[in-house]
Structure formats: structure tokens, C-alpha cells
């Protein structure tokens, strides 16, 4: 059989009744080989021949092969945690970072403690308040002699070449871009004529310091991920980790850093800043840093609960066996799909004994994923899904792809909760954000194991982009995460139900029922309905 495009008949006999509809190994009902065409043919027709003909990556100068530095035993950070690590050999200790301010403070503290190396891998790195603050801390670390390696996806680093080139001028800072466009000015045209290659993006997120600690989860670098945006706040989740899993994350970072699809910013951009330009930039940075001292957000960082816990030595770590699940950087060129993250995650999905809880902001199960969740529910397993409502989502096309499966899932016994766009006051909101949106990506298996990472339950995460996450066997953490979510379901979500065959939304806090998408205006509903008519599911 095929579940989500990956064969799993050897995992559980109960799923053997699902028949593959195509001799090709299929992903969510679409042959991987033709996935791009299912999106593009209705729009471009014969132009696709030209697009695919221009999609190969031109040859670029060879880059140096670099690897992670060993664990920095001389670091203050290691001296603090080495006793706990010695007490838990071959295990990983994790600390959950659910609060946006705490998650940002954790990153700044790690950078401040670094003595040897800092490796960052991100899909998005914005030039906003949190992005600038983080960059300034990285510059300070580089000035102390710390090696900084910054690996970014090129799709979301458009218009950043000049800043990245200037940053990479520092002798201790290196910047590489994943699967870059060699056309740096007309990126839209480059995407059009190189779609089959440039559509493949690096969605991984990791942050490793001195090979002692790492942060892995759903957050990119940007104000909305760290409770610093007055218009939008993402509910997100990371794990701060030490122990056995850290060198695994470092090894995967090296694999991407040295991959054929990754290139230094210097060989991609012809921008060559003059000394005068660099001096002007340094002056502007100095002025911005001075101004930031009076920032309301910086004041909130100083009031972080994480800082208070550190000062009182009140950090509750969860220890257990952990694995890094990750896609290969050349995922689309891999003939063996057993190397894909989905293949590594699939046994845990199919072998659930009592309960599966999926937290996915972008949830597009497609028919084969719906079949899987239906079989689990009908075999007596409790299956719950937490995702965004139409009003809360930041990607209407994803909601368009998801909404058609709600009735079938509910009819099978799957519980669905949709996050409200405005879930009341949040203690760390920026003057009360006008909109909140789920961005955390986690799977909880039987209250025993939890996966936290960048992987969404959708076709793009499964078969187009690369993803990374941690899977830890830790019942206490799994129970705590589940309980924290359950406590907020009534006030922060709508519970979906089927009543006489119709879809309804229940606000369990107010006991109010909605017969249509709550809090979503006419145009939002109209656009989602229109996008739902398009054959774009494989790209969602």
C-alpha cells in the first residue's frame, strides 16, 4: 500500500486494505514525477517545455568543505550543563520554548555564551527588529573570534544580497544560500523559467552553538515568530536541546552546508561594497543599536520568564531518547524515498496504539492522508487535529486545499479544532496583536513521544521542500504539551462538528454555533473557494 506516497505495508496489516491507484509510487494521489505539471499545465501549456529546459543549475565555482567544530568543553555553557549530560548518557535533554519572547531570549543567550561556533539554518530571516537584534549579537560573537555559519533558503532572502554580502565581509562570518537563483535582479522571471528546480525549498530550522546546545522547531527569524509584531503573532514552538541529539543536528547542518545545491553568497552576487559603503553601514548599525535600547520590545526581553528561571536555577529539562528526522538536501533527486523525513515519520503514524494529536498550521491531508486518519479513527484510535481557521491562516490556498476533507474526517470520528484569529489577550502580545495564527508543527503519539520541527501535514513538506525535526520519547513532555493545548481549546479554537450532514463550528467558551466560516469576511471566503477549484494541491 501507499500512504502519502510512501509504502508502509510492512508496518501494520490493518492498512493493507488501501490499494495503490497507480503503479507509480504516489504522493497524496499525485505521481511525484509529474507533480509540478499538475499545477502548471492548466496555466502555461507548452511554455512548460521551455521552463523545464531552463531549470538546471549553472556551474558555479567550487566551495570549501567545512565541518562542525567539536563540542567546546571550555565554554561556560558546557560547564553549566556537563553534569546533567553525564547523568543522562546517550540521552537528550529538551526544554520547551512555547513563548515567543522566551524563544528569542534563548537564542540571544546562546549567542552571548558562544566561544567556538554558531550554526544557523533558516527558511526565513527578516530584516526587522528581531532580525537586526539577532544579527548584531552574531556580529559581536564574530568579533570575539566565534565562527558564524549562516545557511538560508534563497527564495526568502531576495533583496538581501547587499546586506548579506556586507555581513559576509567579516572574516568570521560565512553565508551560503540553498538552491539559489543565479538571476539576482529579476527573481520572478527566474522562478518562471526555472520552476521545477527553484520550487524546491529548504524549510529546515536549526540553531546550534558550540556543539553544546541546539534549538529546533517551527520558528523562522522574524518579528511575528517572537511576539514582536503588532499586527500578527504566530503561535509557535521550539525545543532547546542538549546531549545526544546535538551532534546529529550539527552533522545534518554540515550535509546541507556542503551540498551541491548550496553556494556562498559571494559567488552569486556581483555586489562589491566599497570601504565607504561599509563604513556608512557600520555607522547606521551603530545608530540603530543605540536607538534599540529604548525599544519597548527590548524592555520586554529583559522581563522574560526564561531569564527569571535561569536566575533562580529553575529550568525543568525533559530527558529521553531522541532522533533527528530530516530530508536529504537533494531530496527531489533521491530515487530512494526511504531517506525522506516522511518515511522516517510514517511508522510512528501508522503504529499509534491509542491516540494521535496533529498540530499543523498548514494541514492538507489529501485523499490518502484522509484515508490514513480515517482508518486510525475507525480502528478505535483517538485522532485530533489542530490547525488554522480560515480567518487565522496566512495562506488562503492551504485552507482551500484543506477544507474539502473536513466532512470526511469528521464523519470518520476525527476531531478537528481550528484556531481563532483573535483568541483574546495574550500576555506577550505587542499592544494586543490584531491577529494570531498557529505556526507550530508537532505530532504527539500516545502521550509518549513527540515530534517537533518544520514539517507540516501537507504535500509540500512531504514531497517538495526539505524539512527537519526532533522526535523524542518523553511521556512527561508529551503529556505537558497535550495538556497545555487542551486547556486552551475552548477559548482559542472552534470545534468542528457535523450536524445533519452540515459542517458547523462551535465556540465552546461562549456556547455559540456558527454555520459558516467564523470571523472570515466575504472576500476571504470567496478567494478560498476560488482557489479550491484550481489543481494546485500538490504544491500546498
Protein backbone atom coordinates (compact mmCIF):
# COMPACT_ATOMS: atom_id res chain seq x y z
CA UNK A 1 0.00 0.00 0.00
CA UNK A 2 0.91 3.63 -0.25
CA UNK A 3 0.32 6.22 2.44
CA UNK A 4 1.31 9.76 1.50
CA UNK A 5 3.38 8.34 -1.35
CA UNK A 6 5.44 6.05 0.90
CA UNK A 7 4.94 2.30 1.04
CA UNK A 8 4.14 1.10 4.55
CA UNK A 9 2.51 -2.30 4.15
CA UNK A 10 5.19 -3.82 6.38
CA UNK A 11 4.32 -1.52 9.27
CA UNK A 12 0.75 -2.53 10.06
CA UNK A 13 -1.55 -5.11 8.45
CA UNK A 14 -4.68 -3.10 9.25
CA UNK A 15 -3.79 -0.66 6.48
CA UNK A 16 -3.36 -3.32 3.80
CA UNK A 17 -6.90 -2.72 2.51
CA UNK A 18 -5.87 0.59 0.90
CA UNK A 19 -4.96 -0.10 -2.71
CA UNK A 20 -2.48 1.91 -4.72
CA UNK A 21 -4.27 3.60 -7.62
CA UNK A 22 -1.18 3.92 -9.78
CA UNK A 23 1.78 1.67 -10.47
CA UNK A 24 3.95 4.70 -9.76
CA UNK A 25 4.71 5.24 -6.08
CA UNK A 26 2.33 8.14 -5.48
CA UNK A 27 2.37 11.09 -3.17
CA UNK A 28 -1.05 12.14 -1.92
CA UNK A 29 -2.55 10.75 -5.12
CA UNK A 30 -0.07 12.50 -7.45
CA UNK A 31 2.89 10.81 -9.12
CA UNK A 32 5.94 12.62 -7.79
CA UNK A 33 7.44 12.76 -11.25
CA UNK A 34 4.55 14.83 -12.61
CA UNK A 35 3.66 16.88 -9.55
CA UNK A 36 4.82 20.21 -10.96
CA UNK A 37 2.90 19.64 -14.19
CA UNK A 38 -0.39 19.11 -12.35
CA UNK A 39 -0.11 22.70 -11.14
CA UNK A 40 1.25 24.30 -14.27
CA UNK A 41 -0.37 22.74 -17.33
CA UNK A 42 -3.72 24.49 -16.98
CA UNK A 43 -1.91 27.83 -16.97
CA UNK A 44 1.20 27.54 -19.09
CA UNK A 45 0.69 24.69 -21.56
CA UNK A 46 3.56 24.44 -23.98
CA UNK A 47 5.54 27.08 -22.06
CA UNK A 48 6.42 24.32 -19.57
CA UNK A 49 8.72 22.80 -22.14
CA UNK A 50 10.74 25.98 -22.04
CA UNK A 51 10.55 26.25 -18.26
CA UNK A 52 11.90 22.75 -17.71
CA UNK A 53 14.56 23.28 -20.32
CA UNK A 54 15.90 26.29 -18.41
CA UNK A 55 15.68 24.83 -14.90
CA UNK A 56 19.12 23.33 -14.46
CA UNK A 57 21.63 24.98 -12.15
CA UNK A 58 24.60 26.54 -13.98
CA UNK A 59 28.05 25.53 -12.85
CA UNK A 60 29.45 27.76 -10.11
CA UNK A 61 32.93 27.95 -8.55
CA UNK A 62 33.79 25.14 -6.15
CA UNK A 63 33.31 25.92 -2.46
CA UNK A 64 35.37 24.83 0.53
CA UNK A 65 34.18 21.83 2.54
CA UNK A 66 33.64 22.78 6.17
CA UNK A 67 32.50 20.76 9.16
CA UNK A 68 31.23 21.50 12.65
CA UNK A 69 33.70 22.22 15.41
CA UNK A 70 33.77 19.68 18.25
CA UNK A 71 31.92 20.32 21.48
CA UNK A 72 33.51 23.35 23.17
CA UNK A 73 34.47 21.99 26.56
CA UNK A 74 35.94 25.36 27.55
CA UNK A 75 32.62 27.17 27.19
CA UNK A 76 30.70 28.43 30.18
CA UNK A 77 27.60 26.87 28.67
CA UNK A 78 29.14 23.41 28.71
CA UNK A 79 30.41 23.83 32.26
CA UNK A 80 26.85 24.57 33.35
CA UNK A 81 25.27 21.53 31.68
CA UNK A 82 28.03 18.89 31.68
CA UNK A 83 26.94 17.38 34.99
CA UNK A 84 23.37 16.87 33.76
CA UNK A 85 24.66 15.42 30.48
CA UNK A 86 26.91 13.00 32.39
CA UNK A 87 23.92 11.82 34.41
CA UNK A 88 21.98 11.05 31.20
CA UNK A 89 24.41 9.30 28.84
CA UNK A 90 23.14 8.69 25.29
CA UNK A 91 20.06 10.78 26.03
CA UNK A 92 18.80 14.20 25.03
CA UNK A 93 17.55 16.87 27.38
CA UNK A 94 14.97 19.32 25.99
CA UNK A 95 13.35 22.47 27.29
CA UNK A 96 10.12 23.60 25.55
CA UNK A 97 10.02 27.12 24.14
CA UNK A 98 6.37 27.99 23.65
CA UNK A 99 6.52 31.68 24.47
CA UNK A 100 7.81 33.94 21.70
CA UNK A 101 9.78 36.27 23.96
CA UNK A 102 11.42 33.37 25.79
CA UNK A 103 12.28 31.72 22.45
CA UNK A 104 14.09 34.85 21.30
CA UNK A 105 15.86 35.35 24.63
CA UNK A 106 17.09 31.75 24.44
CA UNK A 107 18.72 32.47 21.09
CA UNK A 108 20.37 35.67 22.31
CA UNK A 109 21.69 33.93 25.44
CA UNK A 110 23.17 31.11 23.37
CA UNK A 111 24.92 33.58 21.07
CA UNK A 112 26.20 35.56 24.04
CA UNK A 113 27.68 32.40 25.58
CA UNK A 114 29.35 31.15 22.37
CA UNK A 115 33.14 30.71 22.38
CA UNK A 116 33.71 28.49 19.36
CA UNK A 117 30.94 28.24 16.74
CA UNK A 118 27.39 29.23 15.83
CA UNK A 119 25.49 27.46 13.02
CA UNK A 120 22.11 28.82 11.90
CA UNK A 121 19.86 27.25 9.27
CA UNK A 122 16.62 29.05 8.38
CA UNK A 123 13.95 29.35 5.73
CA UNK A 124 13.17 33.00 6.59
CA UNK A 125 15.48 35.62 8.11
CA UNK A 126 13.80 39.02 8.12
CA UNK A 127 15.41 42.43 8.29
CA UNK A 128 13.07 43.58 11.07
CA UNK A 129 13.60 44.31 14.76
CA UNK A 130 14.29 40.73 15.86
CA UNK A 131 16.33 40.00 12.72
CA UNK A 132 18.52 43.04 13.33
CA UNK A 133 18.92 42.28 17.04
CA UNK A 134 20.00 38.73 16.28
CA UNK A 135 22.43 39.92 13.60
CA UNK A 136 24.04 42.39 15.98
CA UNK A 137 24.57 39.64 18.54
CA UNK A 138 26.09 37.46 15.81
CA UNK A 139 28.45 40.29 14.84
CA UNK A 140 29.52 40.65 18.47
CA UNK A 141 30.22 36.92 18.62
CA UNK A 142 32.25 37.09 15.41
CA UNK A 143 34.25 39.95 16.91
CA UNK A 144 35.07 37.64 19.84
CA UNK A 145 36.51 35.13 17.38
CA UNK A 146 33.47 32.82 17.14
CA UNK A 147 32.93 31.19 13.74
CA UNK A 148 29.43 32.00 12.43
CA UNK A 149 27.87 30.00 9.60
CA UNK A 150 24.52 31.23 8.30
CA UNK A 151 22.64 28.96 5.88
CA UNK A 152 19.50 30.47 4.34
CA UNK A 153 16.97 29.41 1.77
CA UNK A 154 17.39 31.68 -1.24
CA UNK A 155 13.69 32.06 -2.02
CA UNK A 156 13.01 34.17 1.06
CA UNK A 157 16.35 36.03 1.03
CA UNK A 158 15.51 38.03 -2.10
CA UNK A 159 16.54 41.69 -1.93
CA UNK A 160 19.01 40.89 0.85
CA UNK A 161 22.15 40.45 -1.23
CA UNK A 162 23.77 43.75 -0.28
CA UNK A 163 23.23 43.20 3.44
CA UNK A 164 24.37 39.59 3.27
CA UNK A 165 27.49 40.49 1.28
CA UNK A 166 28.37 43.17 3.83
CA UNK A 167 27.84 40.74 6.70
CA UNK A 168 29.92 38.05 4.99
CA UNK A 169 32.82 40.51 4.71
CA UNK A 170 33.56 39.76 8.36
CA UNK A 171 36.38 37.18 8.44
CA UNK A 172 34.49 35.02 10.96
CA UNK A 173 31.11 35.01 9.18
CA UNK A 174 30.21 32.79 6.22
CA UNK A 175 26.84 32.85 4.44
CA UNK A 176 25.54 30.26 1.99
CA UNK A 177 22.23 30.05 0.14
CA UNK A 178 20.29 26.88 -0.62
CA UNK A 179 19.22 26.17 -4.21
CA UNK A 180 19.79 29.77 -5.28
CA UNK A 181 18.69 31.63 -8.36
CA UNK A 182 21.65 32.86 -10.36
CA UNK A 183 19.46 35.70 -11.61
CA UNK A 184 19.63 38.11 -8.66
CA UNK A 185 17.61 41.00 -10.08
CA UNK A 186 14.65 39.51 -11.93
CA UNK A 187 13.71 36.80 -9.47
CA UNK A 188 10.15 36.42 -10.77
CA UNK A 189 11.35 35.58 -14.25
CA UNK A 190 13.95 33.22 -12.84
CA UNK A 191 11.20 31.39 -10.95
CA UNK A 192 9.07 31.17 -14.07
CA UNK A 193 11.78 29.71 -16.28
CA UNK A 194 13.33 27.55 -13.57
CA UNK A 195 10.21 26.45 -11.70
CA UNK A 196 10.94 22.73 -11.49
CA UNK A 197 14.23 23.44 -9.70
CA UNK A 198 13.51 26.64 -7.77
CA UNK A 199 10.22 25.30 -6.44
CA UNK A 200 12.29 23.01 -4.17
CA UNK A 201 12.99 24.96 -0.96
CA UNK A 202 14.84 24.39 2.33
CA UNK A 203 12.28 24.73 5.12
CA UNK A 204 14.64 23.45 7.85
CA UNK A 205 15.18 25.45 11.04
CA UNK A 206 18.06 24.88 13.46
CA UNK A 207 20.30 27.00 15.69
CA UNK A 208 23.38 25.31 17.21
CA UNK A 209 26.01 26.88 19.48
CA UNK A 210 29.42 25.37 20.38
CA UNK A 211 28.02 21.92 19.58
CA UNK A 212 26.65 22.05 23.13
CA UNK A 213 23.06 23.18 22.57
CA UNK A 214 20.68 23.48 19.67
CA UNK A 215 17.21 24.89 19.02
CA UNK A 216 14.93 23.05 16.59
CA UNK A 217 11.30 23.76 15.84
CA UNK A 218 8.90 25.80 13.76
CA UNK A 219 10.20 29.35 14.18
CA UNK A 220 11.93 31.36 11.49
CA UNK A 221 13.71 34.63 12.28
CA UNK A 222 11.19 37.47 12.20
CA UNK A 223 9.05 39.62 14.48
CA UNK A 224 5.86 37.57 14.06
CA UNK A 225 7.62 34.46 15.44
CA UNK A 226 8.84 36.16 18.62
CA UNK A 227 5.81 38.23 19.77
CA UNK A 228 7.29 41.44 18.34
CA UNK A 229 4.77 42.20 15.58
CA UNK A 230 1.82 44.46 16.38
CA UNK A 231 -0.27 43.08 13.51
CA UNK A 232 0.39 39.33 13.63
CA UNK A 233 1.54 36.86 16.26
CA UNK A 234 2.36 33.28 15.37
CA UNK A 235 1.71 30.64 18.00
CA UNK A 236 4.89 28.61 17.57
CA UNK A 237 7.00 26.01 19.33
CA UNK A 238 10.70 25.10 19.61
CA UNK A 239 12.79 22.72 21.65
CA UNK A 240 16.05 23.85 23.26
CA UNK A 241 18.14 20.67 23.35
CA UNK A 242 21.41 19.37 24.73
CA UNK A 243 23.02 15.96 24.82
CA UNK A 244 22.99 13.15 22.30
CA UNK A 245 20.94 14.89 19.60
CA UNK A 246 23.17 17.98 19.24
CA UNK A 247 25.96 16.38 17.16
CA UNK A 248 23.25 14.81 14.98
CA UNK A 249 21.88 18.28 14.21
CA UNK A 250 25.43 19.51 13.51
CA UNK A 251 26.06 16.64 11.11
CA UNK A 252 22.88 17.45 9.21
CA UNK A 253 23.84 21.12 9.08
CA UNK A 254 27.19 20.12 7.55
CA UNK A 255 25.43 17.94 4.99
CA UNK A 256 23.40 20.94 3.81
CA UNK A 257 26.29 23.41 4.13
CA UNK A 258 28.44 21.29 1.83
CA UNK A 259 25.66 20.12 -0.50
CA UNK A 260 25.90 20.62 -4.26
CA UNK A 261 22.79 22.81 -4.09
CA UNK A 262 24.30 25.26 -1.59
CA UNK A 263 26.54 28.18 -2.61
CA UNK A 264 28.30 31.12 -0.93
CA UNK A 265 26.61 34.47 -1.35
CA UNK A 266 29.86 35.90 -2.77
CA UNK A 267 29.71 33.76 -5.94
CA UNK A 268 26.05 34.59 -6.57
CA UNK A 269 26.02 38.36 -6.25
CA UNK A 270 28.24 40.81 -8.08
CA UNK A 271 27.73 43.45 -5.42
CA UNK A 272 31.09 44.63 -4.14
CA UNK A 273 30.67 47.26 -1.42
CA UNK A 274 33.30 49.97 -1.20
CA UNK A 275 35.04 50.81 2.03
CA UNK A 276 32.97 53.99 2.23
CA UNK A 277 29.75 51.97 1.91
CA UNK A 278 30.86 49.58 4.64
CA UNK A 279 31.72 52.46 6.93
CA UNK A 280 28.35 54.08 6.26
CA UNK A 281 26.63 50.78 7.04
CA UNK A 282 28.60 50.40 10.26
CA UNK A 283 27.56 53.90 11.30
CA UNK A 284 23.90 53.16 10.55
CA UNK A 285 24.08 49.93 12.56
CA UNK A 286 25.64 51.79 15.48
CA UNK A 287 22.81 54.33 15.42
CA UNK A 288 20.16 51.61 15.22
CA UNK A 289 21.70 49.75 18.14
CA UNK A 290 21.64 52.89 20.25
CA UNK A 291 18.00 53.53 19.36
CA UNK A 292 17.06 49.92 20.19
CA UNK A 293 17.98 50.44 23.85
CA UNK A 294 14.72 52.34 24.33
CA UNK A 295 12.66 49.81 22.36
CA UNK A 296 9.56 48.51 24.10
CA UNK A 297 10.34 45.03 22.81
CA UNK A 298 13.88 45.08 24.24
CA UNK A 299 12.38 46.02 27.61
CA UNK A 300 10.07 43.02 27.36
CA UNK A 301 13.05 40.76 26.66
CA UNK A 302 14.53 41.80 29.99
CA UNK A 303 11.31 40.67 31.69
CA UNK A 304 11.41 37.21 30.10
CA UNK A 305 10.27 34.32 32.27
CA UNK A 306 13.16 32.31 30.88
CA UNK A 307 15.60 34.82 32.35
CA UNK A 308 13.84 34.58 35.69
CA UNK A 309 14.02 30.77 35.59
CA UNK A 310 17.73 30.89 34.79
CA UNK A 311 18.44 33.27 37.64
CA UNK A 312 16.57 31.01 40.08
CA UNK A 313 18.04 27.82 38.56
CA UNK A 314 14.50 26.66 37.81
CA UNK A 315 14.91 25.08 34.36
CA UNK A 316 12.87 21.88 34.08
CA UNK A 317 14.60 19.69 31.48
CA UNK A 318 12.98 16.60 29.99
CA UNK A 319 15.37 13.72 29.23
CA UNK A 320 14.86 10.84 26.84
CA UNK A 321 16.00 9.09 23.70
CA UNK A 322 15.78 11.35 20.66
CA UNK A 323 16.31 11.21 16.93
CA UNK A 324 16.81 13.83 14.25
CA UNK A 325 14.40 13.26 11.36
CA UNK A 326 15.47 15.13 8.24
CA UNK A 327 15.17 15.16 4.48
CA UNK A 328 18.31 14.92 2.33
CA UNK A 329 19.29 18.21 0.66
CA UNK A 330 18.96 16.56 -2.77
CA UNK A 331 15.51 15.22 -1.89
CA UNK A 332 14.00 15.56 -5.36
CA UNK A 333 16.93 13.74 -6.94
CA UNK A 334 16.70 10.84 -4.46
CA UNK A 335 15.32 7.72 -6.06
CA UNK A 336 15.10 6.08 -2.63
CA UNK A 337 12.24 7.74 -0.76
CA UNK A 338 13.15 5.86 2.41
CA UNK A 339 15.59 8.70 3.05
CA UNK A 340 12.77 11.26 3.20
CA UNK A 341 11.59 12.60 6.54
CA UNK A 342 8.07 11.35 5.83
CA UNK A 343 9.36 7.78 5.51
CA UNK A 344 11.05 8.12 8.90
CA UNK A 345 7.89 9.54 10.49
CA UNK A 346 5.45 7.14 8.88
CA UNK A 347 5.96 4.16 11.23
CA UNK A 348 5.01 6.34 14.20
CA UNK A 349 1.85 7.48 12.41
CA UNK A 350 0.72 4.01 11.41
CA UNK A 351 1.60 2.28 14.69
CA UNK A 352 -0.33 4.58 17.03
CA UNK A 353 -1.80 2.48 19.82
CA UNK A 354 -4.36 4.82 21.37
CA UNK A 355 -4.05 8.47 20.33
CA UNK A 356 -2.57 10.76 17.69
CA UNK A 357 -2.57 14.54 18.08
CA UNK A 358 -1.54 16.51 14.97
CA UNK A 359 -0.66 20.20 15.36
CA UNK A 360 -0.15 21.60 11.87
CA UNK A 361 -0.86 25.19 10.76
CA UNK A 362 -0.86 24.10 7.11
CA UNK A 363 -2.93 20.92 7.06
CA UNK A 364 -3.74 19.45 3.65
CA UNK A 365 -4.28 15.71 4.17
CA UNK A 366 -5.38 14.93 0.59
CA UNK A 367 -7.24 11.71 -0.05
CA UNK A 368 -4.51 9.30 1.00
CA UNK A 369 -3.83 11.18 4.23
CA UNK A 370 -7.56 11.28 4.91
CA UNK A 371 -7.68 7.51 4.37
CA UNK A 372 -4.92 7.03 6.92
CA UNK A 373 -6.56 9.17 9.60
CA UNK A 374 -9.93 7.57 8.86
CA UNK A 375 -8.54 4.07 9.38
CA UNK A 376 -6.91 5.10 12.62
CA UNK A 377 -10.13 6.63 13.93
CA UNK A 378 -12.30 3.74 12.79
CA UNK A 379 -9.97 1.24 14.44
CA UNK A 380 -10.61 2.85 17.82
CA UNK A 381 -7.75 5.33 17.97
CA UNK A 382 -8.41 8.88 19.05
CA UNK A 383 -7.25 11.27 16.32
CA UNK A 384 -7.22 15.02 16.88
CA UNK A 385 -6.13 17.77 14.51
CA UNK A 386 -5.34 21.36 15.45
CA UNK A 387 -4.96 23.75 12.53
CA UNK A 388 -5.79 27.31 11.48
CA UNK A 389 -9.26 28.61 10.76
CA UNK A 390 -9.87 30.49 7.52
CA UNK A 391 -9.75 33.75 9.48
CA UNK A 392 -6.44 32.83 11.13
CA UNK A 393 -4.49 31.31 8.26
CA UNK A 394 -1.84 33.37 6.47
CA UNK A 395 -2.04 31.17 3.34
CA UNK A 396 -5.52 31.05 1.82
CA UNK A 397 -4.51 28.46 -0.77
CA UNK A 398 -3.69 25.99 2.00
CA UNK A 399 -7.11 26.43 3.58
CA UNK A 400 -8.64 25.92 0.14
CA UNK A 401 -6.83 22.61 -0.12
CA UNK A 402 -7.77 21.53 3.41
CA UNK A 403 -11.45 22.44 3.68
CA UNK A 404 -12.71 19.80 1.25
CA UNK A 405 -11.57 16.99 3.59
CA UNK A 406 -13.21 18.23 6.79
CA UNK A 407 -16.54 16.45 6.40
CA UNK A 408 -14.96 13.08 5.60
CA UNK A 409 -12.60 13.34 8.57
CA UNK A 410 -15.36 14.34 10.98
CA UNK A 411 -17.62 11.57 9.69
CA UNK A 412 -14.86 9.06 10.44
CA UNK A 413 -14.54 10.29 14.03
CA UNK A 414 -11.51 12.56 13.67
CA UNK A 415 -11.71 15.60 15.97
CA UNK A 416 -10.84 18.92 14.32
CA UNK A 417 -10.12 22.22 16.05
CA UNK A 418 -9.45 25.46 14.18
CA UNK A 419 -7.52 28.30 15.82
CA UNK A 420 -9.34 31.61 16.14
CA UNK A 421 -7.83 34.69 14.55
CA UNK A 422 -8.35 36.61 17.77
CA UNK A 423 -8.08 34.39 20.81
CA UNK A 424 -8.27 37.06 23.49
CA UNK A 425 -5.45 38.81 25.29
CA UNK A 426 -2.00 37.25 25.22
CA UNK A 427 0.44 38.17 27.95
CA UNK A 428 3.29 38.77 25.50
CA UNK A 429 1.32 40.28 22.64
CA UNK A 430 2.61 43.53 21.14
CA UNK A 431 -0.03 46.08 22.21
CA UNK A 432 -2.56 43.32 21.57
CA UNK A 433 -1.80 41.82 18.15
CA UNK A 434 -4.68 42.28 15.72
CA UNK A 435 -4.39 38.69 14.56
CA UNK A 436 -2.99 35.42 15.88
CA UNK A 437 -2.15 32.38 13.79
CA UNK A 438 -0.92 28.89 14.54
CA UNK A 439 2.58 28.14 13.24
CA UNK A 440 3.77 25.28 15.50
CA UNK A 441 4.29 21.89 13.88
CA UNK A 442 4.14 18.91 16.24
CA UNK A 443 2.86 15.35 16.42
CA UNK A 444 2.12 13.66 19.75
CA UNK A 445 1.98 9.86 19.71
CA UNK A 446 0.15 8.03 22.53
CA UNK A 447 1.22 10.66 25.09
CA UNK A 448 4.67 9.04 24.94
CA UNK A 449 6.54 10.53 22.01
CA UNK A 450 6.53 13.95 20.40
CA UNK A 451 7.89 15.25 17.11
CA UNK A 452 8.73 18.96 16.93
CA UNK A 453 10.09 20.55 13.79
CA UNK A 454 9.35 22.28 10.49
CA UNK A 455 7.22 19.52 8.91
CA UNK A 456 3.61 20.36 8.05
CA UNK A 457 0.98 17.71 7.29
CA UNK A 458 0.80 18.71 3.63
CA UNK A 459 2.17 17.70 0.21
CA UNK A 460 4.78 20.48 0.08
CA UNK A 461 6.51 19.38 3.28
CA UNK A 462 6.24 15.74 2.28
CA UNK A 463 7.45 15.81 -1.31
CA UNK A 464 8.69 19.25 -2.39
CA UNK A 465 10.58 21.07 0.38
CA UNK A 466 13.19 19.75 2.78
CA UNK A 467 12.28 19.56 6.48
CA UNK A 468 13.88 18.82 9.86
CA UNK A 469 12.68 17.95 13.35
CA UNK A 470 13.35 16.12 16.60
CA UNK A 471 11.46 13.04 17.76
CA UNK A 472 11.87 12.39 21.47
CA UNK A 473 10.45 9.61 23.61
CA UNK A 474 9.41 11.55 26.70
CA UNK A 475 5.98 10.84 28.25
CA UNK A 476 6.09 13.78 30.69
CA UNK A 477 6.83 16.30 27.95
CA UNK A 478 4.27 14.74 25.61
CA UNK A 479 1.65 14.93 28.35
CA UNK A 480 2.55 18.51 29.24
CA UNK A 481 2.34 19.73 25.65
CA UNK A 482 -1.00 17.98 25.17
CA UNK A 483 -2.40 19.34 28.44
CA UNK A 484 -1.30 22.90 27.67
CA UNK A 485 -3.10 22.75 24.32
CA UNK A 486 -6.22 21.13 25.77
CA UNK A 487 -6.53 23.89 28.37
CA UNK A 488 -6.78 26.48 25.59
CA UNK A 489 -9.01 24.64 23.13
CA UNK A 490 -12.29 26.05 24.45
CA UNK A 491 -11.16 29.69 24.42
CA UNK A 492 -8.72 29.72 21.50
CA UNK A 493 -10.32 27.43 18.91
CA UNK A 494 -13.53 26.47 17.18
CA UNK A 495 -14.55 22.83 17.47
CA UNK A 496 -15.88 21.49 14.18
CA UNK A 497 -18.84 19.11 14.02
CA UNK A 498 -21.25 17.55 11.57
CA UNK A 499 -24.93 18.17 12.27
CA UNK A 500 -27.41 16.59 9.85
CA UNK A 501 -24.63 16.38 7.30
CA UNK A 502 -23.72 20.06 7.55
CA UNK A 503 -20.44 21.49 8.82
CA UNK A 504 -20.75 23.68 11.92
CA UNK A 505 -18.28 25.45 14.20
CA UNK A 506 -18.73 25.52 17.98
CA UNK A 507 -17.21 28.15 20.25
CA UNK A 508 -17.22 26.04 23.40
CA UNK A 509 -16.37 29.04 25.61
CA UNK A 510 -19.43 31.05 24.59
CA UNK A 511 -21.58 28.05 23.56
CA UNK A 512 -22.16 29.77 20.22
CA UNK A 513 -22.65 27.87 16.97
CA UNK A 514 -21.58 29.10 13.54
CA UNK A 515 -22.96 27.74 10.26
CA UNK A 516 -20.21 29.26 8.11
CA UNK A 517 -16.51 30.07 8.42
CA UNK A 518 -16.37 32.21 11.61
CA UNK A 519 -14.70 35.65 11.55
CA UNK A 520 -13.91 35.34 7.83
CA UNK A 521 -15.17 38.11 5.56
CA UNK A 522 -16.83 37.67 2.19
CA UNK A 523 -13.69 38.15 0.10
CA UNK A 524 -11.65 35.77 2.22
CA UNK A 525 -14.29 33.07 1.77
CA UNK A 526 -14.62 33.86 -1.94
CA UNK A 527 -10.88 33.63 -2.62
CA UNK A 528 -10.57 30.36 -0.67
CA UNK A 529 -13.48 28.88 -2.62
CA UNK A 530 -11.97 30.01 -5.92
CA UNK A 531 -8.53 28.61 -5.08
CA UNK A 532 -10.19 25.34 -4.13
CA UNK A 533 -11.21 24.91 -7.77
CA UNK A 534 -7.62 25.02 -9.03
CA UNK A 535 -5.47 21.86 -9.48
CA UNK A 536 -2.76 23.06 -7.10
CA UNK A 537 -3.00 20.52 -4.26
CA UNK A 538 0.43 19.01 -4.92
CA UNK A 539 2.03 22.41 -4.30
CA UNK A 540 0.29 23.16 -0.99
